Each structure stands twice: as structure tokens, then as C-alpha cells.
């Protein structure tokens, strides 16, 4: 049976443009990506085998939650 591993990404972006204010992966802040672009980060995850499963946008706080999965290597 196929097993999966999951990655949770919380991304806050500036209102105009595509620069990140903050980026957290599984609860850990990714300071290297501050001021970076979300689409570049997501493409990097794709290169590492991660597939975007869902995206939730909270318009009240302008926050994005992205959930990725990839086959678990046993």
C-alpha cells in the first residue's frame, strides 16, 4: 500500500507583488525565503517531488496555507 508524507506551508505575502513577508514549513520559519517569491519556492518543492494537494487562502488575514504530499520512501 502506498504511504505518503505531507508538508504544510504557511505563506504571508505583501498585498501587491509576489514577495513573501514570512514563510513557515511544518511550523519552522524559513528565513532564507523572506523577501523571496512563493512561485519559486513552490517550483523548488516540485523539483523535490512534492505535489500541491490544496491551497487555502484566509482573506481576513491575507494568509495562505498550502499542503503538499509525496510518496513516502520506506
PDB file of N, CA and C in Angstrom:
ATOM      1  N   UNK A   1       0.836  -1.176   0.000  1.00  0.00           N
ATOM      2  CA  UNK A   1       0.000   0.000   0.000  1.00  0.00           C
ATOM      3  C   UNK A   1       0.889   1.251   0.000  1.00  0.00           C
ATOM      4  N   UNK A   2       0.541   2.227  -0.845  1.00  0.00           N
ATOM      5  CA  UNK A   2       1.306   3.477  -0.930  1.00  0.00           C
ATOM      6  C   UNK A   2       1.141   4.278   0.351  1.00  0.00           C
ATOM      7  N   UNK A   3       2.265   4.786   0.863  1.00  0.00           N
ATOM      8  CA  UNK A   3       2.244   5.660   2.025  1.00  0.00           C
ATOM      9  C   UNK A   3       2.725   7.037   1.587  1.00  0.00           C
ATOM     10  N   UNK A   4       2.263   8.069   2.290  1.00  0.00           N
ATOM     11  CA  UNK A   4       2.549   9.445   1.916  1.00  0.00           C
ATOM     12  C   UNK A   4       3.183  10.205   3.071  1.00  0.00           C
ATOM     13  N   UNK A   5       3.951  11.232   2.728  1.00  0.00           N
ATOM     14  CA  UNK A   5       4.391  12.196   3.719  1.00  0.00           C
ATOM     15  C   UNK A   5       3.863  13.554   3.279  1.00  0.00           C
ATOM     16  N   UNK A   6       3.590  14.415   4.263  1.00  0.00           N
ATOM     17  CA  UNK A   6       2.938  15.692   3.994  1.00  0.00           C
ATOM     18  C   UNK A   6       3.791  16.858   4.467  1.00  0.00           C
ATOM     19  N   UNK A   7       3.598  17.976   3.798  1.00  0.00           N
ATOM     20  CA  UNK A   7       4.328  19.202   4.112  1.00  0.00           C
ATOM     21  C   UNK A   7       3.301  20.326   4.180  1.00  0.00           C
ATOM     22  N   UNK A   8       3.322  21.093   5.271  1.00  0.00           N
ATOM     23  CA  UNK A   8       2.398  22.199   5.456  1.00  0.00           C
ATOM     24  C   UNK A   8       3.167  23.511   5.360  1.00  0.00           C
ATOM     25  N   UNK A   9       2.712  24.397   4.487  1.00  0.00           N
ATOM     26  CA  UNK A   9       3.390  25.670   4.254  1.00  0.00           C
ATOM     27  C   UNK A   9       2.419  26.800   4.547  1.00  0.00           C
ATOM     28  N   UNK A  10       2.830  27.719   5.427  1.00  0.00           N
ATOM     29  CA  UNK A  10       2.076  28.946   5.688  1.00  0.00           C
ATOM     30  C   UNK A  10       2.861  30.092   5.088  1.00  0.00           C
ATOM     31  N   UNK A  11       2.233  30.816   4.172  1.00  0.00           N
ATOM     32  CA  UNK A  11       2.915  31.891   3.453  1.00  0.00           C
ATOM     33  C   UNK A  11       2.115  33.180   3.556  1.00  0.00           C
ATOM     34  N   UNK A  12       2.764  34.214   4.048  1.00  0.00           N
ATOM     35  CA  UNK A  12       2.165  35.547   4.100  1.00  0.00           C
ATOM     36  C   UNK A  12       2.892  36.409   3.087  1.00  0.00           C
ATOM     37  N   UNK A  13       2.107  37.067   2.244  1.00  0.00           N
ATOM     38  CA  UNK A  13       2.700  37.845   1.164  1.00  0.00           C
ATOM     39  C   UNK A  13       2.329  39.312   1.301  1.00  0.00           C
ATOM     40  N   UNK A  14       3.175  40.168   0.726  1.00  0.00           N
ATOM     41  CA  UNK A  14       2.833  41.581   0.662  1.00  0.00           C
ATOM     42  C   UNK A  14       1.594  41.738  -0.212  1.00  0.00           C
ATOM     43  N   UNK A  15       0.745  42.739   0.083  1.00  0.00           N
ATOM     44  CA  UNK A  15      -0.505  42.898  -0.675  1.00  0.00           C
ATOM     45  C   UNK A  15      -0.308  43.088  -2.176  1.00  0.00           C
ATOM     46  N   UNK A  16       0.761  43.725  -2.582  1.00  0.00           N
ATOM     47  CA  UNK A  16       0.994  43.957  -4.006  1.00  0.00           C
ATOM     48  C   UNK A  16       2.325  43.331  -4.387  1.00  0.00           C
ATOM     49  N   UNK A  17       2.336  42.539  -5.432  1.00  0.00           N
ATOM     50  CA  UNK A  17       3.545  41.834  -5.837  1.00  0.00           C
ATOM     51  C   UNK A  17       3.511  40.412  -5.336  1.00  0.00           C
ATOM     52  N   UNK A  18       4.650  39.726  -5.459  1.00  0.00           N
ATOM     53  CA  UNK A  18       4.673  38.319  -5.042  1.00  0.00           C
ATOM     54  C   UNK A  18       5.782  38.029  -4.040  1.00  0.00           C
ATOM     55  N   UNK A  19       6.215  39.046  -3.304  1.00  0.00           N
ATOM     56  CA  UNK A  19       7.254  38.855  -2.287  1.00  0.00           C
ATOM     57  C   UNK A  19       6.645  38.347  -0.988  1.00  0.00           C
ATOM     58  N   UNK A  20       7.383  37.488  -0.316  1.00  0.00           N
ATOM     59  CA  UNK A  20       6.921  36.893   0.938  1.00  0.00           C
ATOM     60  C   UNK A  20       7.270  37.775   2.130  1.00  0.00           C
ATOM     61  N   UNK A  21       6.324  37.915   3.037  1.00  0.00           N
ATOM     62  CA  UNK A  21       6.596  38.545   4.331  1.00  0.00           C
ATOM     63  C   UNK A  21       7.171  37.485   5.259  1.00  0.00           C
ATOM     64  N   UNK A  22       6.528  36.320   5.270  1.00  0.00           N
ATOM     65  CA  UNK A  22       7.003  35.209   6.096  1.00  0.00           C
ATOM     66  C   UNK A  22       6.632  33.897   5.434  1.00  0.00           C
ATOM     67  N   UNK A  23       7.421  32.876   5.760  1.00  0.00           N
ATOM     68  CA  UNK A  23       7.198  31.542   5.211  1.00  0.00           C
ATOM     69  C   UNK A  23       7.539  30.520   6.293  1.00  0.00           C
ATOM     70  N   UNK A  24       6.583  29.669   6.607  1.00  0.00           N
ATOM     71  CA  UNK A  24       6.774  28.614   7.598  1.00  0.00           C
ATOM     72  C   UNK A  24       6.513  27.268   6.941  1.00  0.00           C
ATOM     73  N   UNK A  25       7.401  26.321   7.163  1.00  0.00           N
ATOM     74  CA  UNK A  25       7.240  24.966   6.662  1.00  0.00           C
ATOM     75  C   UNK A  25       7.171  24.040   7.872  1.00  0.00           C
ATOM     76  N   UNK A  26       6.031  23.357   8.015  1.00  0.00           N
ATOM     77  CA  UNK A  26       5.788  22.492   9.175  1.00  0.00           C
ATOM     78  C   UNK A  26       6.096  23.214  10.493  1.00  0.00           C
ATOM     79  N   UNK A  27       5.714  24.494  10.548  1.00  0.00           N
ATOM     80  CA  UNK A  27       5.868  25.284  11.771  1.00  0.00           C
ATOM     81  C   UNK A  27       7.212  25.967  11.950  1.00  0.00           C
ATOM     82  N   UNK A  28       8.175  25.696  11.080  1.00  0.00           N
ATOM     83  CA  UNK A  28       9.508  26.312  11.197  1.00  0.00           C
ATOM     84  C   UNK A  28       9.654  27.452  10.199  1.00  0.00           C
ATOM     85  N   UNK A  29      10.064  28.622  10.702  1.00  0.00           N
ATOM     86  CA  UNK A  29      10.241  29.774   9.828  1.00  0.00           C
ATOM     87  C   UNK A  29      11.413  29.549   8.869  1.00  0.00           C
ATOM     88  N   UNK A  30      11.192  29.879   7.616  1.00  0.00           N
ATOM     89  CA  UNK A  30      12.220  29.756   6.581  1.00  0.00           C
ATOM     90  C   UNK A  30      12.753  31.159   6.283  1.00  0.00           C
ATOM     91  N   UNK A  31      13.680  31.612   7.107  1.00  0.00           N
ATOM     92  CA  UNK A  31      14.188  32.981   6.983  1.00  0.00           C
ATOM     93  C   UNK A  31      14.907  33.228   5.668  1.00  0.00           C
ATOM     94  N   UNK A  32      15.489  32.203   5.075  1.00  0.00           N
ATOM     95  CA  UNK A  32      16.193  32.365   3.799  1.00  0.00           C
ATOM     96  C   UNK A  32      15.240  32.775   2.679  1.00  0.00           C
ATOM     97  N   UNK A  33      13.958  32.498   2.851  1.00  0.00           N
ATOM     98  CA  UNK A  33      12.990  32.794   1.800  1.00  0.00           C
ATOM     99  C   UNK A  33      12.269  34.106   2.018  1.00  0.00           C
ATOM    100  N   UNK A  34      12.565  34.807   3.112  1.00  0.00           N
ATOM    101  CA  UNK A  34      11.942  36.104   3.338  1.00  0.00           C
ATOM    102  C   UNK A  34      12.305  37.020   2.191  1.00  0.00           C
ATOM    103  N   UNK A  35      11.341  37.729   1.672  1.00  0.00           N
ATOM    104  CA  UNK A  35      11.502  38.597   0.508  1.00  0.00           C
ATOM    105  C   UNK A  35      11.642  37.803  -0.786  1.00  0.00           C
ATOM    106  N   UNK A  36      11.547  36.494  -0.712  1.00  0.00           N
ATOM    107  CA  UNK A  36      11.597  35.666  -1.910  1.00  0.00           C
ATOM    108  C   UNK A  36      10.224  35.583  -2.550  1.00  0.00           C
ATOM    109  N   UNK A  37      10.109  34.782  -3.593  1.00  0.00           N
ATOM    110  CA  UNK A  37       8.848  34.632  -4.314  1.00  0.00           C
ATOM    111  C   UNK A  37       8.242  33.260  -4.039  1.00  0.00           C
ATOM    112  N   UNK A  38       6.937  33.248  -3.792  1.00  0.00           N
ATOM    113  CA  UNK A  38       6.256  31.996  -3.484  1.00  0.00           C
ATOM    114  C   UNK A  38       6.303  31.026  -4.658  1.00  0.00           C
ATOM    115  N   UNK A  39       6.140  31.509  -5.872  1.00  0.00           N
ATOM    116  CA  UNK A  39       6.119  30.585  -7.014  1.00  0.00           C
ATOM    117  C   UNK A  39       7.473  29.899  -7.205  1.00  0.00           C
ATOM    118  N   UNK A  40       8.562  30.572  -6.882  1.00  0.00           N
ATOM    119  CA  UNK A  40       9.882  29.939  -6.976  1.00  0.00           C
ATOM    120  C   UNK A  40      10.014  28.858  -5.904  1.00  0.00           C
ATOM    121  N   UNK A  41       9.536  29.149  -4.695  1.00  0.00           N
ATOM    122  CA  UNK A  41       9.587  28.179  -3.606  1.00  0.00           C
ATOM    123  C   UNK A  41       8.755  26.946  -3.957  1.00  0.00           C
ATOM    124  N   UNK A  42       7.548  27.146  -4.490  1.00  0.00           N
ATOM    125  CA  UNK A  42       6.675  26.025  -4.847  1.00  0.00           C
ATOM    126  C   UNK A  42       7.299  25.193  -5.967  1.00  0.00           C
ATOM    127  N   UNK A  43       7.913  25.847  -6.943  1.00  0.00           N
ATOM    128  CA  UNK A  43       8.593  25.104  -8.013  1.00  0.00           C
ATOM    129  C   UNK A  43       9.754  24.281  -7.467  1.00  0.00           C
ATOM    130  N   UNK A  44      10.466  24.812  -6.474  1.00  0.00           N
ATOM    131  CA  UNK A  44      11.562  24.054  -5.860  1.00  0.00           C
ATOM    132  C   UNK A  44      11.012  22.806  -5.174  1.00  0.00           C
ATOM    133  N   UNK A  45       9.885  22.945  -4.483  1.00  0.00           N
ATOM    134  CA  UNK A  45       9.272  21.778  -3.843  1.00  0.00           C
ATOM    135  C   UNK A  45       8.877  20.742  -4.891  1.00  0.00           C
ATOM    136  N   UNK A  46       8.368  21.192  -6.034  1.00  0.00           N
ATOM    137  CA  UNK A  46       8.027  20.275  -7.119  1.00  0.00           C
ATOM    138  C   UNK A  46       9.232  19.512  -7.612  1.00  0.00           C
ATOM    139  N   UNK A  47      10.380  20.166  -7.692  1.00  0.00           N
ATOM    140  CA  UNK A  47      11.625  19.503  -8.099  1.00  0.00           C
ATOM    141  C   UNK A  47      12.040  18.436  -7.085  1.00  0.00           C
ATOM    142  N   UNK A  48      11.638  18.634  -5.819  1.00  0.00           N
ATOM    143  CA  UNK A  48      11.960  17.673  -4.760  1.00  0.00           C
ATOM    144  C   UNK A  48      10.906  16.570  -4.642  1.00  0.00           C
ATOM    145  N   UNK A  49       9.938  16.567  -5.570  1.00  0.00           N
ATOM    146  CA  UNK A  49       8.940  15.507  -5.589  1.00  0.00           C
ATOM    147  C   UNK A  49       7.646  15.822  -4.868  1.00  0.00           C
ATOM    148  N   UNK A  50       7.496  17.032  -4.337  1.00  0.00           N
ATOM    149  CA  UNK A  50       6.285  17.412  -3.633  1.00  0.00           C
ATOM    150  C   UNK A  50       5.210  17.851  -4.621  1.00  0.00           C
ATOM    151  N   UNK A  51       3.976  17.407  -4.383  1.00  0.00           N
ATOM    152  CA  UNK A  51       2.832  17.784  -5.200  1.00  0.00           C
ATOM    153  C   UNK A  51       1.872  18.611  -4.350  1.00  0.00           C
ATOM    154  N   UNK A  52       1.439  19.754  -4.882  1.00  0.00           N
ATOM    155  CA  UNK A  52       0.476  20.592  -4.170  1.00  0.00           C
ATOM    156  C   UNK A  52      -0.875  19.890  -4.160  1.00  0.00           C
ATOM    157  N   UNK A  53      -1.411  19.668  -2.957  1.00  0.00           N
ATOM    158  CA  UNK A  53      -2.688  18.980  -2.806  1.00  0.00           C
ATOM    159  C   UNK A  53      -3.821  19.989  -2.684  1.00  0.00           C
ATOM    160  N   UNK A  54      -3.603  21.026  -1.874  1.00  0.00           N
ATOM    161  CA  UNK A  54      -4.644  22.032  -1.681  1.00  0.00           C
ATOM    162  C   UNK A  54      -4.032  23.355  -1.244  1.00  0.00           C
ATOM    163  N   UNK A  55      -4.795  24.402  -1.470  1.00  0.00           N
ATOM    164  CA  UNK A  55      -4.408  25.759  -1.068  1.00  0.00           C
ATOM    165  C   UNK A  55      -5.612  26.386  -0.391  1.00  0.00           C
ATOM    166  N   UNK A  56      -5.380  26.952   0.778  1.00  0.00           N
ATOM    167  CA  UNK A  56      -6.435  27.665   1.489  1.00  0.00           C
ATOM    168  C   UNK A  56      -5.973  29.099   1.671  1.00  0.00           C
ATOM    169  N   UNK A  57      -6.805  30.058   1.276  1.00  0.00           N
ATOM    170  CA  UNK A  57      -6.483  31.473   1.444  1.00  0.00           C
ATOM    171  C   UNK A  57      -7.449  32.086   2.439  1.00  0.00           C
ATOM    172  N   UNK A  58      -6.901  32.660   3.513  1.00  0.00           N
ATOM    173  CA  UNK A  58      -7.696  33.350   4.518  1.00  0.00           C
ATOM    174  C   UNK A  58      -7.653  34.834   4.171  1.00  0.00           C
ATOM    175  N   UNK A  59      -8.724  35.332   3.561  1.00  0.00           N
ATOM    176  CA  UNK A  59      -8.730  36.719   3.095  1.00  0.00           C
ATOM    177  C   UNK A  59      -8.763  37.723   4.241  1.00  0.00           C
ATOM    178  N   UNK A  60      -9.260  37.316   5.401  1.00  0.00           N
ATOM    179  CA  UNK A  60      -9.297  38.232   6.549  1.00  0.00           C
ATOM    180  C   UNK A  60      -7.885  38.612   6.983  1.00  0.00           C
ATOM    181  N   UNK A  61      -6.981  37.636   6.998  1.00  0.00           N
ATOM    182  CA  UNK A  61      -5.600  37.888   7.435  1.00  0.00           C
ATOM    183  C   UNK A  61      -4.611  37.853   6.275  1.00  0.00           C
ATOM    184  N   UNK A  62      -5.121  37.656   5.058  1.00  0.00           N
ATOM    185  CA  UNK A  62      -4.297  37.569   3.848  1.00  0.00           C
ATOM    186  C   UNK A  62      -3.171  36.552   4.017  1.00  0.00           C
ATOM    187  N   UNK A  63      -3.535  35.352   4.485  1.00  0.00           N
ATOM    188  CA  UNK A  63      -2.596  34.267   4.684  1.00  0.00           C
ATOM    189  C   UNK A  63      -2.939  33.111   3.759  1.00  0.00           C
ATOM    190  N   UNK A  64      -1.911  32.381   3.360  1.00  0.00           N
ATOM    191  CA  UNK A  64      -2.083  31.207   2.506  1.00  0.00           C
ATOM    192  C   UNK A  64      -1.546  29.981   3.229  1.00  0.00           C
ATOM    193  N   UNK A  65      -2.307  28.913   3.178  1.00  0.00           N
ATOM    194  CA  UNK A  65      -1.855  27.629   3.703  1.00  0.00           C
ATOM    195  C   UNK A  65      -1.845  26.652   2.534  1.00  0.00           C
ATOM    196  N   UNK A  66      -0.683  26.086   2.257  1.00  0.00           N
ATOM    197  CA  UNK A  66      -0.535  25.135   1.163  1.00  0.00           C
ATOM    198  C   UNK A  66      -0.170  23.780   1.755  1.00  0.00           C
ATOM    199  N   UNK A  67      -0.785  22.733   1.247  1.00  0.00           N
ATOM    200  CA  UNK A  67      -0.481  21.380   1.709  1.00  0.00           C
ATOM    201  C   UNK A  67       0.050  20.585   0.523  1.00  0.00           C
ATOM    202  N   UNK A  68       1.214  19.951   0.726  1.00  0.00           N
ATOM    203  CA  UNK A  68       1.874  19.156  -0.304  1.00  0.00           C
ATOM    204  C   UNK A  68       1.980  17.722   0.180  1.00  0.00           C
ATOM    205  N   UNK A  69       2.101  16.797  -0.777  1.00  0.00           N
ATOM    206  CA  UNK A  69       2.361  15.403  -0.417  1.00  0.00           C
ATOM    207  C   UNK A  69       3.329  14.813  -1.440  1.00  0.00           C
ATOM    208  N   UNK A  70       3.985  13.734  -1.025  1.00  0.00           N
ATOM    209  CA  UNK A  70       4.826  12.955  -1.927  1.00  0.00           C
ATOM    210  C   UNK A  70       4.893  11.538  -1.386  1.00  0.00           C
ATOM    211  N   UNK A  71       5.164  10.583  -2.252  1.00  0.00           N
ATOM    212  CA  UNK A  71       5.260   9.192  -1.782  1.00  0.00           C
ATOM    213  C   UNK A  71       6.352   9.068  -0.716  1.00  0.00           C
ATOM    214  N   UNK A  72       6.029   8.332   0.322  1.00  0.00           N
ATOM    215  CA  UNK A  72       6.976   8.100   1.410  1.00  0.00           C
ATOM    216  C   UNK A  72       7.943   6.999   0.993  1.00  0.00           C
ATOM    217  N   UNK A  73       9.224   7.281   1.152  1.00  0.00           N
ATOM    218  CA  UNK A  73      10.256   6.295   0.831  1.00  0.00           C
ATOM    219  C   UNK A  73      10.524   5.473   2.085  1.00  0.00           C
ATOM    220  N   UNK A  74      10.330   4.181   1.956  1.00  0.00           N
ATOM    221  CA  UNK A  74      10.475   3.288   3.109  1.00  0.00           C
ATOM    222  C   UNK A  74      11.837   2.619   3.096  1.00  0.00           C
TER     223      UNK A  74
END
